[in-house]
PDB file of N, CA and C in Angstrom:
ATOM      1  N   MET A   1      58.144  16.444 -45.176  1.00  0.00           N
ATOM      2  CA  MET A   1      57.915  16.835 -46.571  1.00  0.00           C
ATOM      3  C   MET A   1      57.566  15.623 -47.423  1.00  0.00           C
ATOM      4  N   ILE A   2      58.408  14.607 -47.367  1.00  0.00           N
ATOM      5  CA  ILE A   2      58.193  13.387 -48.148  1.00  0.00           C
ATOM      6  C   ILE A   2      56.943  12.661 -47.650  1.00  0.00           C
ATOM      7  N   GLU A   3      56.744  12.705 -46.326  1.00  0.00           N
ATOM      8  CA  GLU A   3      55.539  12.074 -45.769  1.00  0.00           C
ATOM      9  C   GLU A   3      54.265  12.754 -46.315  1.00  0.00           C
ATOM     10  N   GLN A   4      54.298  14.050 -46.398  1.00  0.00           N
ATOM     11  CA  GLN A   4      53.133  14.779 -46.929  1.00  0.00           C
ATOM     12  C   GLN A   4      52.891  14.398 -48.376  1.00  0.00           C
ATOM     13  N   LEU A   5      53.950  14.320 -49.164  1.00  0.00           N
ATOM     14  CA  LEU A   5      53.785  13.876 -50.600  1.00  0.00           C
ATOM     15  C   LEU A   5      53.227  12.478 -50.679  1.00  0.00           C
ATOM     16  N   ALA A   6      53.655  11.620 -49.760  1.00  0.00           N
ATOM     17  CA  ALA A   6      53.132  10.222 -49.771  1.00  0.00           C
ATOM     18  C   ALA A   6      51.636  10.238 -49.431  1.00  0.00           C
ATOM     19  N   ILE A   7      51.245  11.062 -48.510  1.00  0.00           N
ATOM     20  CA  ILE A   7      49.813  11.161 -48.155  1.00  0.00           C
ATOM     21  C   ILE A   7      48.994  11.663 -49.326  1.00  0.00           C
ATOM     22  N   TYR A   8      49.527  12.738 -49.971  1.00  0.00           N
ATOM     23  CA  TYR A   8      48.850  13.272 -51.159  1.00  0.00           C
ATOM     24  C   TYR A   8      48.783  12.218 -52.274  1.00  0.00           C
ATOM     25  N   ALA A   9      49.836  11.478 -52.434  1.00  0.00           N
ATOM     26  CA  ALA A   9      49.860  10.435 -53.471  1.00  0.00           C
ATOM     27  C   ALA A   9      48.796   9.377 -53.171  1.00  0.00           C
ATOM     28  N   GLN A  10      48.665   8.991 -51.904  1.00  0.00           N
ATOM     29  CA  GLN A  10      47.691   8.000 -51.536  1.00  0.00           C
ATOM     30  C   GLN A  10      46.264   8.521 -51.808  1.00  0.00           C
ATOM     31  N   ILE A  11      46.043   9.782 -51.512  1.00  0.00           N
ATOM     32  CA  ILE A  11      44.702  10.383 -51.782  1.00  0.00           C
ATOM     33  C   ILE A  11      44.422  10.381 -53.275  1.00  0.00           C
ATOM     34  N   ILE A  12      45.451  10.772 -54.049  1.00  0.00           N
ATOM     35  CA  ILE A  12      45.217  10.818 -55.531  1.00  0.00           C
ATOM     36  C   ILE A  12      44.983   9.432 -56.076  1.00  0.00           C
ATOM     37  N   ILE A  13      45.710   8.421 -55.573  1.00  0.00           N
ATOM     38  CA  ILE A  13      45.517   7.055 -56.012  1.00  0.00           C
ATOM     39  C   ILE A  13      44.115   6.572 -55.657  1.00  0.00           C
ATOM     40  N   ALA A  14      43.671   6.883 -54.419  1.00  0.00           N
ATOM     41  CA  ALA A  14      42.341   6.484 -53.983  1.00  0.00           C
ATOM     42  C   ALA A  14      41.256   7.102 -54.869  1.00  0.00           C
ATOM     43  N   ILE A  15      41.427   8.397 -55.190  1.00  0.00           N
ATOM     44  CA  ILE A  15      40.455   9.036 -56.095  1.00  0.00           C
ATOM     45  C   ILE A  15      40.488   8.367 -57.438  1.00  0.00           C
ATOM     46  N   GLY A  16      41.653   8.061 -57.917  1.00  0.00           N
ATOM     47  CA  GLY A  16      41.781   7.365 -59.216  1.00  0.00           C
ATOM     48  C   GLY A  16      41.088   6.045 -59.234  1.00  0.00           C
ATOM     49  N   VAL A  17      41.234   5.259 -58.183  1.00  0.00           N
ATOM     50  CA  VAL A  17      40.585   3.943 -58.076  1.00  0.00           C
ATOM     51  C   VAL A  17      39.072   4.124 -58.078  1.00  0.00           C
ATOM     52  N   VAL A  18      38.572   5.093 -57.306  1.00  0.00           N
ATOM     53  CA  VAL A  18      37.139   5.342 -57.278  1.00  0.00           C
ATOM     54  C   VAL A  18      36.631   5.716 -58.666  1.00  0.00           C
ATOM     55  N   MET A  19      37.377   6.542 -59.387  1.00  0.00           N
ATOM     56  CA  MET A  19      36.954   6.947 -60.731  1.00  0.00           C
ATOM     57  C   MET A  19      36.944   5.757 -61.686  1.00  0.00           C
ATOM     58  N   VAL A  20      37.921   4.885 -61.587  1.00  0.00           N
ATOM     59  CA  VAL A  20      37.979   3.692 -62.437  1.00  0.00           C
ATOM     60  C   VAL A  20      36.753   2.809 -62.169  1.00  0.00           C
ATOM     61  N   VAL A  21      36.472   2.547 -60.884  1.00  0.00           N
ATOM     62  CA  VAL A  21      35.354   1.726 -60.528  1.00  0.00           C
ATOM     63  C   VAL A  21      34.042   2.341 -61.042  1.00  0.00           C
ATOM     64  N   TRP A  22      33.909   3.650 -60.898  1.00  0.00           N
ATOM     65  CA  TRP A  22      32.726   4.353 -61.358  1.00  0.00           C
ATOM     66  C   TRP A  22      32.567   4.190 -62.897  1.00  0.00           C
ATOM     67  N   GLN A  23      33.675   4.353 -63.626  1.00  0.00           N
ATOM     68  CA  GLN A  23      33.628   4.210 -65.096  1.00  0.00           C
ATOM     69  C   GLN A  23      33.274   2.780 -65.485  1.00  0.00           C
ATOM     70  N   LEU A  24      33.801   1.792 -64.764  1.00  0.00           N
ATOM     71  CA  LEU A  24      33.468   0.404 -65.074  1.00  0.00           C
ATOM     72  C   LEU A  24      32.000   0.142 -64.803  1.00  0.00           C
ATOM     73  N   GLU A  25      31.477   0.721 -63.736  1.00  0.00           N
ATOM     74  CA  GLU A  25      30.036   0.553 -63.457  1.00  0.00           C
ATOM     75  C   GLU A  25      29.187   1.158 -64.562  1.00  0.00           C
ATOM     76  N   LYS A  26      29.564   2.358 -65.037  1.00  0.00           N
ATOM     77  CA  LYS A  26      28.837   3.005 -66.109  1.00  0.00           C
ATOM     78  C   LYS A  26      28.935   2.151 -67.375  1.00  0.00           C
ATOM     79  N   ALA A  27      30.124   1.622 -67.665  1.00  0.00           N
ATOM     80  CA  ALA A  27      30.303   0.788 -68.862  1.00  0.00           C
ATOM     81  C   ALA A  27      29.476  -0.486 -68.777  1.00  0.00           C
ATOM     82  N   GLY A  28      29.413  -1.040 -67.581  1.00  0.00           N
ATOM     83  CA  GLY A  28      28.603  -2.258 -67.408  1.00  0.00           C
ATOM     84  C   GLY A  28      27.155  -1.999 -67.644  1.00  0.00           C
ATOM     85  N   ARG A  29      26.627  -0.873 -67.149  1.00  0.00           N
ATOM     86  CA  ARG A  29      25.230  -0.494 -67.415  1.00  0.00           C
ATOM     87  C   ARG A  29      24.992  -0.286 -68.910  1.00  0.00           C
ATOM     88  N   LEU A  30      25.944   0.356 -69.567  1.00  0.00           N
ATOM     89  CA  LEU A  30      25.820   0.595 -71.034  1.00  0.00           C
ATOM     90  C   LEU A  30      25.791  -0.710 -71.775  1.00  0.00           C
ATOM     91  N   LEU A  31      26.660  -1.648 -71.436  1.00  0.00           N
ATOM     92  CA  LEU A  31      26.705  -2.946 -72.094  1.00  0.00           C
ATOM     93  C   LEU A  31      25.397  -3.706 -71.870  1.00  0.00           C
ATOM     94  N   LYS A  32      24.866  -3.587 -70.662  1.00  0.00           N
ATOM     95  CA  LYS A  32      23.599  -4.264 -70.350  1.00  0.00           C
ATOM     96  C   LYS A  32      22.475  -3.712 -71.230  1.00  0.00           C
ATOM     97  N   MET A  33      22.441  -2.349 -71.358  1.00  0.00           N
ATOM     98  CA  MET A  33      21.409  -1.714 -72.190  1.00  0.00           C
ATOM     99  C   MET A  33      21.566  -2.121 -73.664  1.00  0.00           C
ATOM    100  N   MET A  34      22.796  -2.139 -74.154  1.00  0.00           N
ATOM    101  CA  MET A  34      23.059  -2.510 -75.540  1.00  0.00           C
ATOM    102  C   MET A  34      22.643  -3.947 -75.793  1.00  0.00           C
ATOM    103  N   SER A  35      22.947  -4.833 -74.843  1.00  0.00           N
ATOM    104  CA  SER A  35      22.572  -6.227 -74.993  1.00  0.00           C
ATOM    105  C   SER A  35      21.059  -6.404 -75.039  1.00  0.00           C
ATOM    106  N   GLN A  36      20.377  -5.687 -74.148  1.00  0.00           N
ATOM    107  CA  GLN A  36      18.902  -5.725 -74.169  1.00  0.00           C
ATOM    108  C   GLN A  36      18.316  -5.211 -75.462  1.00  0.00           C
ATOM    109  N   PHE A  37      18.906  -4.099 -75.977  1.00  0.00           N
ATOM    110  CA  PHE A  37      18.459  -3.526 -77.239  1.00  0.00           C
ATOM    111  C   PHE A  37      18.628  -4.527 -78.360  1.00  0.00           C
ATOM    112  N   LEU A  38      19.823  -5.136 -78.418  1.00  0.00           N
ATOM    113  CA  LEU A  38      20.098  -6.080 -79.501  1.00  0.00           C
ATOM    114  C   LEU A  38      19.202  -7.328 -79.402  1.00  0.00           C
ATOM    115  N   ALA A  39      18.946  -7.774 -78.179  1.00  0.00           N
ATOM    116  CA  ALA A  39      18.056  -8.920 -78.028  1.00  0.00           C
ATOM    117  C   ALA A  39      16.651  -8.594 -78.521  1.00  0.00           C
ATOM    118  N   GLU A  40      16.199  -7.377 -78.226  1.00  0.00           N
ATOM    119  CA  GLU A  40      14.849  -6.975 -78.703  1.00  0.00           C
ATOM    120  C   GLU A  40      14.829  -6.837 -80.214  1.00  0.00           C
ATOM    121  N   ALA A  41      15.934  -6.323 -80.804  1.00  0.00           N
ATOM    122  CA  ALA A  41      15.990  -6.197 -82.255  1.00  0.00           C
ATOM    123  C   ALA A  41      15.956  -7.553 -82.924  1.00  0.00           C
ATOM    124  N   VAL A  42      16.675  -8.518 -82.379  1.00  0.00           N
ATOM    125  CA  VAL A  42      16.669  -9.865 -82.949  1.00  0.00           C
ATOM    126  C   VAL A  42      15.314 -10.480 -82.810  1.00  0.00           C
ATOM    127  N   GLU A  43      14.678 -10.258 -81.671  1.00  0.00           N
ATOM    128  CA  GLU A  43      13.313 -10.804 -81.466  1.00  0.00           C
ATOM    129  C   GLU A  43      12.335 -10.231 -82.512  1.00  0.00           C
ATOM    130  N   GLU A  44      12.417  -8.934 -82.765  1.00  0.00           N
ATOM    131  CA  GLU A  44      11.540  -8.302 -83.753  1.00  0.00           C
ATOM    132  C   GLU A  44      11.855  -8.810 -85.150  1.00  0.00           C
ATOM    133  N   HIS A  45      13.124  -8.995 -85.434  1.00  0.00           N
ATOM    134  CA  HIS A  45      13.546  -9.443 -86.771  1.00  0.00           C
ATOM    135  C   HIS A  45      13.034 -10.870 -86.998  1.00  0.00           C
ATOM    136  N   ASP A  46      13.054 -11.699 -85.963  1.00  0.00           N
ATOM    137  CA  ASP A  46      12.598 -13.089 -86.108  1.00  0.00           C
ATOM    138  C   ASP A  46      11.072 -13.134 -86.363  1.00  0.00           C
ATOM    139  N   LYS A  47      10.338 -12.143 -85.871  1.00  0.00           N
ATOM    140  CA  LYS A  47       8.879 -12.110 -86.039  1.00  0.00           C
ATOM    141  C   LYS A  47       8.517 -11.821 -87.507  1.00  0.00           C
ATOM    142  N   VAL A  48       9.361 -11.072 -88.172  1.00  0.00           N
ATOM    143  CA  VAL A  48       9.034 -10.631 -89.517  1.00  0.00           C
ATOM    144  C   VAL A  48       9.324 -11.648 -90.551  1.00  0.00           C
TER     145      VAL A  48
END
């Protein structure tokens, strides 16, 4: 019984870790896009 709960807990933790990594990857892509957007905005502002 306890062994089964431990196995389920490991599966849940593994899924949680995968979800955290996935969210960090999405956040990294978003930050990269925002940085690129801001760099372009600054470039356009400097031209004017």
